[in-house]
Protein backbone atom coordinates (compact mmCIF):
# COMPACT_ATOMS: atom_id res chain seq x y z
CA MET A 1 -0.41 -6.35 -5.92
CA SER A 2 1.63 -9.82 -4.47
CA MET A 3 0.46 -12.72 -3.42
CA PHE A 4 2.94 -12.38 -0.44
CA LEU A 5 1.37 -9.38 0.93
CA ASN A 6 -2.35 -9.13 2.64
CA THR A 7 -3.54 -6.30 1.72
CA PHE A 8 -7.11 -6.53 3.03
CA GLY A 9 -6.30 -7.64 6.63
CA GLY A 10 -4.59 -4.47 7.70
CA SER A 11 -1.88 -6.55 8.88
CA ASN A 12 1.87 -5.64 8.00
CA GLN A 13 3.49 -8.53 6.61
CA GLU A 14 6.63 -8.66 5.39
CA VAL A 15 8.08 -10.76 2.16
CA SER A 16 11.22 -11.94 3.25
CA GLN A 17 14.06 -14.04 1.18
CA GLU A 18 13.30 -17.04 3.54
CA LYS A 19 9.67 -16.86 2.90
CA ILE A 20 10.25 -16.63 -0.73
CA ASP A 21 13.12 -19.60 -0.89
CA VAL A 22 10.26 -21.89 1.01
CA ALA A 23 7.92 -21.26 -1.44
CA GLY A 24 10.35 -22.13 -4.34
CA VAL A 25 10.57 -25.90 -2.42
CA GLN A 26 7.10 -25.69 -2.60
CA PHE A 27 6.30 -25.13 -5.49
CA ASP A 28 9.11 -27.68 -6.71
CA ALA A 29 8.06 -30.38 -5.05
CA MET A 30 3.99 -29.73 -6.59
CA CYS A 31 5.93 -29.78 -10.19
CA THR A 32 7.37 -32.89 -9.08
CA THR A 33 4.32 -34.20 -7.89
CA PHE A 34 2.24 -33.33 -11.34
CA ASN A 35 5.04 -34.40 -13.28
CA ASN A 36 5.02 -37.66 -11.80
CA ILE A 37 1.22 -37.95 -11.94
CA LEU A 38 1.34 -37.38 -15.28
CA LYS A 39 4.35 -39.66 -16.87
CA THR A 40 2.25 -42.56 -14.79
CA CYS A 41 -0.57 -41.83 -15.99
CA MET A 42 0.18 -41.31 -19.69
CA GLU A 43 2.30 -44.82 -19.31
CA LYS A 44 -0.67 -46.84 -17.74
CA CYS A 45 -3.36 -45.26 -20.38
CA ILE A 46 -2.07 -44.14 -23.89
CA PRO A 47 -0.42 -46.91 -26.00
CA HIS A 48 3.05 -47.37 -26.61
CA GLU A 49 3.18 -47.93 -30.05
CA GLY A 50 2.40 -44.71 -31.46
CA TYR A 51 -0.08 -42.20 -31.17
CA SER A 52 -2.77 -42.93 -33.81
CA GLU A 53 -4.91 -39.69 -33.73
CA GLY A 54 -4.19 -36.18 -33.00
CA ASP A 55 -6.49 -36.26 -30.17
CA LEU A 56 -7.07 -38.83 -27.20
CA THR A 57 -10.16 -41.15 -27.60
CA LYS A 58 -13.12 -41.10 -24.79
CA GLY A 59 -11.40 -44.22 -23.15
CA GLU A 60 -7.94 -42.72 -23.01
CA MET A 61 -9.54 -39.61 -21.45
CA CYS A 62 -11.70 -41.06 -19.28
CA CYS A 63 -8.71 -43.67 -17.91
CA ILE A 64 -6.41 -40.50 -17.47
CA ASP A 65 -9.52 -38.97 -15.72
CA ARG A 66 -9.52 -41.96 -13.03
CA CYS A 67 -5.83 -42.22 -12.85
CA VAL A 68 -5.15 -38.51 -12.12
CA ILE A 69 -8.22 -38.87 -9.07
CA LYS A 70 -6.41 -41.95 -8.05
CA MET A 71 -2.81 -40.54 -7.56
CA HIS A 72 -4.10 -37.03 -6.20
CA TYR A 73 -6.64 -38.49 -3.78
CA SER A 74 -3.46 -41.35 -2.39
CA ASN A 75 -0.83 -38.52 -2.49
CA ARG A 76 -3.35 -36.39 -0.19
CA LEU A 77 -4.08 -39.43 1.84
CA ILE A 78 -0.37 -40.23 2.39
CA GLY A 79 -0.06 -36.99 3.18
CA GLY A 80 -2.43 -36.74 6.32
CA PHE A 81 -0.95 -40.21 7.32
CA VAL A 82 2.48 -38.92 7.26
CA GLN A 83 1.25 -35.41 9.26
CA THR A 84 -0.52 -37.32 11.90
CA ARG A 85 2.57 -39.72 12.41
CA GLY A 86 4.98 -36.12 13.11
CA PHE A 87 6.94 -35.96 9.88
CA GLY A 88 8.25 -33.11 9.60
CA PRO A 89 10.36 -31.64 6.92
CA VAL A 90 12.70 -30.15 9.96
CA ASN A 91 13.60 -34.05 10.81
CA TYR A 92 13.39 -35.78 7.70
CA LEU A 93 14.63 -33.51 4.61
CA ARG A 94 18.14 -32.51 4.78
CA HIS A 95 17.94 -29.27 2.72
CA TYR A 96 14.74 -27.98 4.69
CA GLU A 97 17.97 -26.69 7.23
CA GLN A 98 19.04 -23.78 4.90
CA PHE A 99 15.65 -22.51 5.97
CA GLN A 100 15.42 -22.26 9.44
CA PRO A 101 16.83 -19.05 10.98
CA PRO A 102 19.92 -19.29 12.75
CA ALA A 103 20.32 -20.49 16.03
CA ASP A 104 21.04 -17.47 18.77
CA PRO A 105 24.35 -17.94 20.62
CA ASP A 106 23.01 -15.49 23.43
CA ALA A 107 20.01 -18.40 23.98
CA ASN A 108 21.90 -19.73 26.91
């Protein structure tokens, strides 16, 4: 069963290379966001002078939990704000153009 096909709805959806490419860009963006959150929260919550124990302390775990929640919330808040302001990948992300269908020369 493919995550790109709707086998329950009865509609005939095709998997195209364009959809796979867009999913790849979205996956890369989510990975980058996750890694940035992880790096930021680890630098903030775990002491830099070396790991004293193999496991995180209760204080470190609570700090990381709060940090991740705040970062995730702010990421969603900013994402919602820019969407209401008309920010779109077509206007602001140069590499997004490669996923757009080619212009039809006969349309004029």
